[in-house]
Amino acid sequence: MTDSTGTTSGKAGAQEERVPVTIEESLPRGIRLAGAWSWRLLVLAGIIAVFIFLVIQLRLIVIPLLIAVLISALLVPFVAFLVRHKWPKGLAVASAMVATLAVVAGLIALASTQIASGSTGLSSRLQNSYQSVREALLAPPFNYSESQLNGFVDQLWSAIQSDSQVFVSGALSVGSSLGHFLTGLLLTLFSLLFILIDGKSIWGWIVRIFPKRARPALDGAGRAGWTTLGNFVRVQILVASIDAVGIGVGAALLGVPMAIPIGILVFLGAFIPIVGAVATGAVAVLIALVFNNWVIALAMLGVVLLVQQVEGHVLQPLIMGTAVKVHPLAVVLVVAAGTMLAGIPGALFAVPVAAVLNVMIGYISSGRWRGDGSPPDTPIQSNLWQTVPQAPPKYRRFVVSGPRKKPVPQTQPESTPLPKKPDTESTTND
């Protein structure tokens, strides 16, 4: 009885001690891990979507600021060079700003004069081009009739008249667009001026917003990203210059009018990698077709394709790939995404933003900020990273010696006494 009762009571106690299994514990570990990652990724995607939405809504402020940052990445080393050569800081900044404005104004003036001189007789050239295209459509293999061509022209004219409201609204919006352009230009100049004057303090204020534990990683990542941005701007200017010179010289040799404006257009378009140079090259081919003939247009197309092949197989892998370290497939996808989100500005800023984020994320994940805090190949330029006091060169350094740890000057080391030679003569005499 006792044994049976004890056995029964033991079984009942074991049944009472069983903990009910929850639904989460019954799921496989892979499902639980995927669920944990899923909601975190959804939260992260929501934050990124809200950030992109705010950027698009504030694009009239964000775009001038980003343009100022791009230009400052090119001008900050120039200002630092002038300051190192005993120029006052204000004079160095003013010289950099004036030089930038002079270069931009010179390019605009040169392009305007070339376009004005090349547009003489434009109506007659357009008439000749229209007649040549019309004759080509009437001849084999198209074999269109005069009535069909006239019908096409009438349909085109009626479509333009039906959509005249679009042109009217576009003409009315020119005033607001011009106002937005002038406002953006002023914002760009003011942002560029303050970045050149007090960029380090502005970055220090941004770093101080974050918690103290995150400041070393953020500061180091920002410096590494700034170095990458400067490399991108300088290398992109080099690549754009090579594209502009190649296509412009090719247009001049082929006798295509407005070769200098074509080169300037290619230079500006090359800042949008892969896409910009192709679009501006198509404009050059169209100009050759309108002002010359289809043979010159084909030759111009060959020049554009040759320059693009040199850029894609030589310049981008050797120069741009080393400076930015972004795969060409990633460049194409990022440019496409930026174009879909923000149009031309999105395509312009897509690659530098992707390159900077790539370097910053790599720097933080590598953990290099746990050491001295400085990014690779980047000198320390701010007191934020000087966690160890630096001794001025005129101070005397001391070393610790002896059990009492008294400072002993390193310049006057103590001489070690030589062992005393035993007096063998006195011992022998004794």
Protein backbone atom coordinates (compact mmCIF):
# COMPACT_ATOMS: atom_id res chain seq x y z
CA MET A 1 0.00 0.00 0.00
CA THR A 2 2.68 2.39 0.93
CA ASP A 3 4.75 1.55 -2.09
CA SER A 4 1.83 1.77 -4.42
CA THR A 5 0.68 5.02 -2.82
CA GLY A 6 4.13 6.44 -2.99
CA THR A 7 4.45 5.47 -6.61
CA THR A 8 1.12 7.02 -7.41
CA SER A 9 1.95 10.24 -5.62
CA GLY A 10 5.32 10.40 -7.44
CA LYS A 11 3.62 10.13 -10.83
CA ALA A 12 1.15 12.85 -9.89
CA GLY A 13 3.99 15.15 -8.79
CA ALA A 14 5.80 14.58 -12.08
CA GLN A 15 2.64 15.46 -13.97
CA GLU A 16 2.23 18.65 -11.93
CA GLU A 17 5.83 19.72 -12.58
CA ARG A 18 5.44 19.68 -16.39
CA VAL A 19 5.61 23.21 -17.87
CA PRO A 20 3.18 23.88 -20.73
CA VAL A 21 4.94 24.43 -24.06
CA THR A 22 4.09 27.73 -25.80
CA ILE A 23 3.43 28.09 -29.50
CA GLU A 24 6.72 29.93 -30.07
CA GLU A 25 8.71 27.13 -28.45
CA SER A 26 6.94 24.54 -30.54
CA LEU A 27 8.07 26.22 -33.77
CA PRO A 28 11.38 25.23 -35.36
CA ARG A 29 14.37 27.43 -34.61
CA GLY A 30 14.66 28.55 -38.23
CA ILE A 31 11.07 29.83 -38.27
CA ARG A 32 11.60 31.75 -35.03
CA LEU A 33 14.83 33.26 -36.34
CA ALA A 34 13.19 34.28 -39.61
CA GLY A 35 10.30 35.90 -37.72
CA ALA A 36 12.67 37.83 -35.49
CA TRP A 37 14.58 39.15 -38.50
CA SER A 38 11.39 39.91 -40.43
CA TRP A 39 9.87 42.43 -38.06
CA ARG A 40 13.22 44.15 -37.58
CA LEU A 41 13.70 44.43 -41.33
CA LEU A 42 10.17 45.78 -41.70
CA VAL A 43 10.85 48.48 -39.10
CA LEU A 44 14.10 49.37 -40.84
CA ALA A 45 12.38 49.53 -44.24
CA GLY A 46 9.69 51.77 -42.77
CA ILE A 47 12.29 54.17 -41.38
CA ILE A 48 14.09 54.30 -44.74
CA ALA A 49 10.79 54.89 -46.57
CA VAL A 50 9.89 57.77 -44.24
CA PHE A 51 13.37 59.26 -44.72
CA ILE A 52 13.11 59.05 -48.53
CA PHE A 53 9.62 60.59 -48.38
CA LEU A 54 10.92 63.53 -46.32
CA VAL A 55 13.85 64.01 -48.70
CA ILE A 56 11.51 64.10 -51.71
CA GLN A 57 9.18 66.56 -49.98
CA LEU A 58 12.11 68.80 -49.02
CA ARG A 59 13.92 68.42 -52.33
CA LEU A 60 14.13 72.18 -52.87
CA ILE A 61 16.38 72.31 -49.79
CA VAL A 62 18.07 68.93 -50.00
CA ILE A 63 19.24 69.22 -53.63
CA PRO A 64 21.09 72.55 -53.14
CA LEU A 65 22.66 71.19 -49.97
CA LEU A 66 23.88 68.03 -51.72
CA ILE A 67 25.28 70.09 -54.60
CA ALA A 68 27.13 72.26 -52.09
CA VAL A 69 28.55 69.15 -50.39
CA LEU A 70 29.77 67.78 -53.73
CA ILE A 71 31.45 71.06 -54.66
CA SER A 72 32.93 71.47 -51.17
CA ALA A 73 34.51 68.01 -51.43
CA LEU A 74 36.49 69.45 -54.33
CA LEU A 75 37.20 72.89 -52.84
CA VAL A 76 38.09 71.98 -49.24
CA PRO A 77 41.52 70.54 -50.25
CA PHE A 78 42.14 73.67 -52.33
CA VAL A 79 41.31 75.94 -49.38
CA ALA A 80 43.50 73.83 -47.09
CA PHE A 81 46.33 74.10 -49.62
CA LEU A 82 46.08 77.90 -49.63
CA VAL A 83 45.92 78.04 -45.83
CA ARG A 84 49.04 75.87 -45.56
CA HIS A 85 50.81 78.42 -47.77
CA LYS A 86 50.11 81.24 -45.29
CA TRP A 87 46.93 82.55 -46.90
CA PRO A 88 44.30 83.93 -44.51
CA LYS A 89 41.30 81.63 -44.14
CA GLY A 90 38.82 84.24 -45.39
CA LEU A 91 40.92 85.08 -48.43
CA ALA A 92 41.37 81.39 -49.27
CA VAL A 93 37.62 80.73 -49.07
CA ALA A 94 36.84 83.83 -51.13
CA SER A 95 39.38 82.81 -53.78
CA ALA A 96 37.89 79.31 -54.03
CA MET A 97 34.36 80.69 -54.38
CA VAL A 98 35.35 83.28 -56.98
CA ALA A 99 37.32 80.69 -58.98
CA THR A 100 34.35 78.31 -58.99
CA LEU A 101 31.92 81.00 -60.12
CA ALA A 102 34.37 82.15 -62.79
CA VAL A 103 34.73 78.64 -64.21
CA VAL A 104 30.96 78.08 -64.31
CA ALA A 105 30.28 81.49 -65.83
CA GLY A 106 33.03 80.95 -68.41
CA LEU A 107 31.57 77.63 -69.50
CA ILE A 108 28.08 79.11 -69.79
CA ALA A 109 29.34 82.12 -71.75
CA LEU A 110 31.41 79.95 -74.09
CA ALA A 111 28.50 77.60 -74.75
CA SER A 112 26.10 80.51 -75.33
CA THR A 113 28.37 82.23 -77.85
CA GLN A 114 29.01 78.99 -79.71
CA ILE A 115 25.31 78.19 -79.86
CA ALA A 116 24.53 81.71 -81.07
CA SER A 117 27.16 81.52 -83.79
CA GLY A 118 26.23 77.99 -84.81
CA SER A 119 22.51 78.70 -85.04
CA THR A 120 22.93 81.06 -88.00
CA GLY A 121 21.03 79.68 -90.93
CA LEU A 122 19.28 77.17 -88.68
CA SER A 123 15.95 77.52 -90.43
CA SER A 124 17.45 76.78 -93.85
CA ARG A 125 19.32 73.76 -92.50
CA LEU A 126 16.18 72.43 -90.86
CA GLN A 127 14.31 72.92 -94.13
CA ASN A 128 16.97 70.99 -96.01
CA SER A 129 16.94 68.21 -93.42
CA TYR A 130 13.15 68.01 -93.65
CA GLN A 131 13.29 67.77 -97.41
CA SER A 132 15.95 65.03 -97.30
CA VAL A 133 13.92 63.01 -94.80
CA ARG A 134 10.78 63.50 -96.92
CA GLU A 135 12.56 62.32 -100.06
CA ALA A 136 13.91 59.29 -98.21
CA LEU A 137 10.38 58.35 -97.09
CA LEU A 138 9.02 58.74 -100.62
CA ALA A 139 11.76 56.55 -102.12
CA PRO A 140 12.10 52.76 -101.70
CA PRO A 141 11.93 50.84 -99.45
CA PHE A 142 9.33 53.03 -97.66
CA ASN A 143 7.38 54.15 -100.78
CA TYR A 144 5.06 56.53 -98.92
CA SER A 145 2.84 58.78 -101.00
CA GLU A 146 2.51 62.54 -100.75
CA SER A 147 -1.00 62.24 -99.33
CA GLN A 148 0.20 59.88 -96.60
CA LEU A 149 3.03 62.21 -95.57
CA ASN A 150 0.68 65.18 -95.55
CA GLY A 151 -1.72 63.16 -93.42
CA PHE A 152 1.08 62.43 -90.94
CA VAL A 153 1.94 66.13 -90.76
CA ASP A 154 -1.71 67.09 -90.24
CA GLN A 155 -2.09 64.52 -87.45
CA LEU A 156 1.03 65.86 -85.75
CA TRP A 157 -0.20 69.44 -85.99
CA SER A 158 -3.65 68.52 -84.63
CA ALA A 159 -2.01 66.65 -81.73
CA ILE A 160 0.03 69.75 -80.92
CA GLN A 161 -3.07 71.93 -81.02
CA SER A 162 -5.04 69.54 -78.80
CA ASP A 163 -2.23 69.49 -76.28
CA SER A 164 -1.69 73.23 -76.39
CA GLN A 165 -2.93 73.49 -72.80
CA VAL A 166 0.14 71.55 -71.70
CA PHE A 167 2.42 74.08 -73.39
CA VAL A 168 0.47 76.98 -71.87
CA SER A 169 0.72 75.54 -68.37
CA GLY A 170 4.38 74.84 -68.96
CA ALA A 171 4.94 78.43 -70.04
CA LEU A 172 3.10 79.66 -66.95
CA SER A 173 5.23 77.46 -64.72
CA VAL A 174 8.45 78.93 -66.12
CA GLY A 175 8.23 81.78 -63.65
CA SER A 176 7.92 79.48 -60.63
CA SER A 177 10.67 77.21 -61.98
CA LEU A 178 12.96 80.22 -62.43
CA GLY A 179 12.20 81.30 -58.88
CA HIS A 180 12.99 77.82 -57.58
CA PHE A 181 16.24 77.83 -59.56
CA LEU A 182 17.36 81.17 -58.14
CA THR A 183 16.42 80.10 -54.62
CA GLY A 184 18.33 76.85 -55.02
CA LEU A 185 21.34 78.74 -56.38
CA LEU A 186 21.41 81.05 -53.37
CA LEU A 187 21.03 78.11 -50.97
CA THR A 188 23.88 76.30 -52.72
CA LEU A 189 26.19 79.31 -52.46
CA PHE A 190 25.38 79.95 -48.80
CA SER A 191 25.76 76.27 -47.90
CA LEU A 192 29.05 76.06 -49.78
CA LEU A 193 30.35 79.19 -48.06
CA PHE A 194 29.58 77.95 -44.55
CA ILE A 195 30.91 74.46 -45.25
CA LEU A 196 34.21 75.94 -46.41
CA ILE A 197 34.41 78.31 -43.44
CA ASP A 198 33.19 76.13 -40.57
CA GLY A 199 32.73 72.61 -41.90
CA LYS A 200 34.55 70.91 -39.01
CA SER A 201 32.39 72.60 -36.39
CA ILE A 202 29.23 71.68 -38.30
CA TRP A 203 30.30 68.04 -38.43
CA GLY A 204 31.23 68.12 -34.73
CA TRP A 205 27.75 69.41 -33.90
CA ILE A 206 26.18 66.58 -35.92
CA VAL A 207 28.32 64.03 -34.09
CA ARG A 208 27.38 65.43 -30.67
CA ILE A 209 23.70 64.80 -31.40
CA PHE A 210 24.26 61.04 -31.12
CA PRO A 211 24.98 59.11 -27.90
CA LYS A 212 28.54 59.11 -26.61
CA ARG A 213 29.06 55.42 -27.31
CA ALA A 214 28.13 55.91 -30.97
CA ARG A 215 30.24 59.03 -31.57
CA PRO A 216 33.60 57.33 -32.30
CA ALA A 217 32.08 55.00 -34.91
CA LEU A 218 30.02 57.80 -36.49
CA ASP A 219 32.91 60.25 -36.63
CA GLY A 220 35.30 57.72 -38.16
CA ALA A 221 32.69 56.56 -40.66
CA GLY A 222 31.96 60.15 -41.63
CA ARG A 223 35.62 60.91 -42.22
CA ALA A 224 36.04 57.78 -44.33
CA GLY A 225 32.94 58.70 -46.32
CA TRP A 226 34.22 62.24 -46.82
CA THR A 227 37.50 60.89 -48.19
CA THR A 228 35.58 58.65 -50.60
CA LEU A 229 33.37 61.54 -51.69
CA GLY A 230 36.41 63.69 -52.47
CA ASN A 231 37.96 60.88 -54.48
CA PHE A 232 34.70 60.40 -56.39
CA VAL A 233 34.39 64.09 -57.31
CA ARG A 234 38.00 64.39 -58.51
CA VAL A 235 37.90 61.15 -60.47
CA GLN A 236 34.52 61.98 -61.98
CA ILE A 237 35.83 65.33 -63.16
CA LEU A 238 38.74 63.53 -64.81
CA VAL A 239 36.46 60.99 -66.52
CA ALA A 240 34.00 63.68 -67.60
CA SER A 241 36.84 65.77 -69.04
CA ILE A 242 38.14 62.82 -71.06
CA ASP A 243 34.64 62.11 -72.41
CA ALA A 244 34.06 65.76 -73.27
CA VAL A 245 37.39 66.15 -75.03
CA GLY A 246 36.96 62.91 -76.99
CA ILE A 247 33.44 63.60 -78.22
CA GLY A 248 34.04 67.33 -78.75
CA VAL A 249 37.21 66.79 -80.77
CA GLY A 250 35.46 64.07 -82.80
CA ALA A 251 32.57 66.43 -83.57
CA ALA A 252 34.98 69.19 -84.60
CA LEU A 253 36.93 66.86 -86.90
CA LEU A 254 33.73 65.65 -88.53
CA GLY A 255 32.55 69.20 -89.14
CA VAL A 256 29.57 68.98 -86.78
CA PRO A 257 28.57 72.50 -85.71
CA MET A 258 28.57 73.58 -82.03
CA ALA A 259 31.34 71.16 -81.09
CA ILE A 260 32.24 73.14 -77.94
CA PRO A 261 28.65 73.17 -76.59
CA ILE A 262 28.49 69.44 -77.31
CA GLY A 263 31.68 68.91 -75.28
CA ILE A 264 30.32 71.00 -72.39
CA LEU A 265 27.04 69.07 -72.49
CA VAL A 266 28.93 65.77 -72.43
CA PHE A 267 31.05 67.03 -69.50
CA LEU A 268 27.96 67.87 -67.46
CA GLY A 269 26.14 64.70 -68.43
CA ALA A 270 29.08 62.47 -67.53
CA PHE A 271 28.46 63.19 -63.83
CA ILE A 272 25.59 60.71 -64.16
CA PRO A 273 27.61 57.53 -64.72
CA ILE A 274 26.83 55.32 -67.73
CA VAL A 275 23.49 57.02 -68.45
CA GLY A 276 24.55 60.66 -68.79
CA ALA A 277 27.27 60.16 -71.37
CA VAL A 278 24.98 57.98 -73.52
CA ALA A 279 22.19 60.58 -73.49
CA THR A 280 24.50 63.48 -74.33
CA GLY A 281 26.16 61.39 -77.05
CA ALA A 282 22.72 60.81 -78.58
CA VAL A 283 22.22 64.59 -78.65
CA ALA A 284 25.52 64.94 -80.55
CA VAL A 285 24.40 62.34 -83.09
CA LEU A 286 21.06 64.12 -83.52
CA ILE A 287 22.80 67.45 -84.14
CA ALA A 288 25.03 65.79 -86.73
CA LEU A 289 21.96 64.31 -88.42
CA VAL A 290 20.11 67.66 -88.53
CA PHE A 291 22.99 69.92 -89.55
CA ASN A 292 25.00 67.50 -91.71
CA ASN A 293 23.82 64.20 -93.17
CA TRP A 294 23.29 60.61 -92.14
CA VAL A 295 26.88 59.62 -93.04
CA ILE A 296 28.32 62.19 -90.62
CA ALA A 297 25.70 61.12 -88.07
CA LEU A 298 26.87 57.50 -88.32
CA ALA A 299 30.48 58.63 -87.97
CA MET A 300 29.52 60.69 -84.90
CA LEU A 301 27.78 57.63 -83.48
CA GLY A 302 31.00 55.66 -83.96
CA VAL A 303 32.96 58.35 -82.08
CA VAL A 304 30.47 58.29 -79.20
CA LEU A 305 30.58 54.48 -78.99
CA LEU A 306 34.39 54.50 -79.05
CA VAL A 307 34.57 57.01 -76.20
CA GLN A 308 32.01 55.01 -74.25
CA GLN A 309 34.01 51.81 -74.72
CA VAL A 310 37.16 53.53 -73.46
CA GLU A 311 35.27 54.85 -70.45
CA GLY A 312 33.57 51.54 -69.68
CA HIS A 313 36.59 49.26 -70.09
CA VAL A 314 39.49 51.52 -69.08
CA LEU A 315 38.45 54.56 -67.07
CA GLN A 316 35.68 53.09 -64.94
CA PRO A 317 37.49 49.88 -63.83
CA LEU A 318 40.94 51.40 -63.36
CA ILE A 319 40.15 54.88 -62.04
CA MET A 320 36.57 55.02 -60.82
CA GLY A 321 36.55 51.47 -59.44
CA THR A 322 39.63 52.15 -57.33
CA ALA A 323 38.31 55.43 -55.97
CA VAL A 324 34.68 54.47 -55.30
CA LYS A 325 34.74 50.63 -55.06
CA VAL A 326 31.19 50.15 -56.35
CA HIS A 327 30.42 47.34 -58.78
CA PRO A 328 29.18 48.42 -62.25
CA LEU A 329 25.96 46.43 -61.79
CA ALA A 330 25.35 48.27 -58.52
CA VAL A 331 26.01 51.57 -60.33
CA VAL A 332 23.37 50.79 -62.98
CA LEU A 333 20.79 49.67 -60.41
CA VAL A 334 21.42 52.64 -58.13
CA VAL A 335 21.19 55.12 -61.01
CA ALA A 336 17.93 53.50 -62.16
CA ALA A 337 16.48 53.62 -58.64
CA GLY A 338 17.54 57.23 -58.16
CA THR A 339 15.99 58.19 -61.49
CA MET A 340 12.70 56.53 -60.56
CA LEU A 341 12.61 58.24 -57.16
CA ALA A 342 13.86 61.73 -57.93
CA GLY A 343 14.47 62.08 -61.66
CA ILE A 344 17.70 63.74 -62.81
CA PRO A 345 18.81 64.80 -59.29
CA GLY A 346 18.32 61.24 -58.11
CA ALA A 347 20.46 59.93 -60.95
CA LEU A 348 23.13 62.55 -60.19
CA PHE A 349 23.44 61.83 -56.47
CA ALA A 350 22.75 58.09 -56.55
CA VAL A 351 26.34 56.90 -57.09
CA PRO A 352 28.10 59.22 -54.59
CA VAL A 353 25.49 58.48 -51.93
CA ALA A 354 25.85 54.73 -52.53
CA ALA A 355 29.65 54.97 -52.46
CA VAL A 356 29.68 56.97 -49.22
CA LEU A 357 27.19 54.63 -47.53
CA ASN A 358 29.20 51.61 -48.68
CA VAL A 359 32.40 52.98 -47.11
CA MET A 360 30.68 54.12 -43.91
CA ILE A 361 28.93 50.79 -43.33
CA GLY A 362 32.15 48.91 -44.06
CA TYR A 363 34.09 51.11 -41.63
CA ILE A 364 31.58 50.61 -38.81
CA SER A 365 31.28 46.86 -39.35
CA SER A 366 35.07 46.42 -39.45
CA GLY A 367 35.44 47.83 -35.94
CA ARG A 368 38.46 50.00 -36.79
CA TRP A 369 36.94 52.81 -34.72
CA ARG A 370 37.70 50.81 -31.55
CA GLY A 371 41.40 51.52 -32.04
CA ASP A 372 42.81 54.98 -32.55
CA GLY A 373 39.59 56.04 -34.26
CA SER A 374 41.08 57.28 -37.49
CA PRO A 375 39.93 55.83 -40.82
CA PRO A 376 42.56 54.18 -43.02
CA ASP A 377 44.96 56.57 -44.73
CA THR A 378 43.17 59.55 -43.14
CA PRO A 379 45.10 61.75 -40.71
CA ILE A 380 43.49 62.84 -37.47
CA GLN A 381 42.33 66.42 -37.84
CA SER A 382 39.98 66.94 -34.91
CA ASN A 383 40.29 66.81 -31.14
CA LEU A 384 37.32 64.45 -31.01
CA TRP A 385 39.63 61.57 -31.87
CA GLN A 386 42.64 62.54 -29.73
CA THR A 387 41.89 60.27 -26.79
CA VAL A 388 45.61 60.28 -25.84
CA PRO A 389 47.15 63.71 -25.15
CA GLN A 390 49.82 64.62 -27.63
CA ALA A 391 53.05 66.01 -26.13
CA PRO A 392 54.29 69.23 -27.76
CA PRO A 393 57.68 68.86 -29.40
CA LYS A 394 59.44 71.18 -26.89
CA TYR A 395 58.46 69.17 -23.82
CA ARG A 396 60.98 66.85 -22.20
CA ARG A 397 60.02 63.23 -22.05
CA PHE A 398 60.65 61.19 -18.94
CA VAL A 399 61.13 57.51 -18.31
CA VAL A 400 60.35 55.62 -15.15
CA SER A 401 63.19 53.81 -13.38
CA GLY A 402 63.79 52.47 -9.92
CA PRO A 403 61.37 51.18 -7.32
CA ARG A 404 60.18 54.67 -6.33
CA LYS A 405 59.15 55.51 -9.95
CA LYS A 406 60.80 58.91 -9.99
CA PRO A 407 60.85 60.69 -13.36
CA VAL A 408 64.30 60.56 -14.81
CA PRO A 409 65.09 62.69 -17.89
CA GLN A 410 65.67 60.55 -20.95
CA THR A 411 68.28 62.99 -22.22
CA GLN A 412 70.45 62.32 -19.16
CA PRO A 413 70.53 58.56 -18.64
CA GLU A 414 72.21 57.24 -15.57
CA SER A 415 75.51 55.49 -16.26
CA THR A 416 75.72 51.95 -14.97
CA PRO A 417 78.69 51.61 -12.57
CA LEU A 418 81.33 49.20 -13.71
CA PRO A 419 82.10 46.23 -11.43
CA LYS A 420 85.03 46.96 -9.10
CA LYS A 421 88.18 45.12 -10.00
CA PRO A 422 89.45 43.02 -7.11
CA ASP A 423 92.75 44.12 -5.56
CA THR A 424 94.83 41.01 -6.20
CA GLU A 425 98.09 42.61 -5.17
CA SER A 426 96.98 43.42 -1.65
CA THR A 427 95.60 39.94 -1.21
CA THR A 428 98.86 38.42 -2.36
CA ASN A 429 100.87 40.61 -0.01
CA ASP A 430 98.67 39.70 2.89
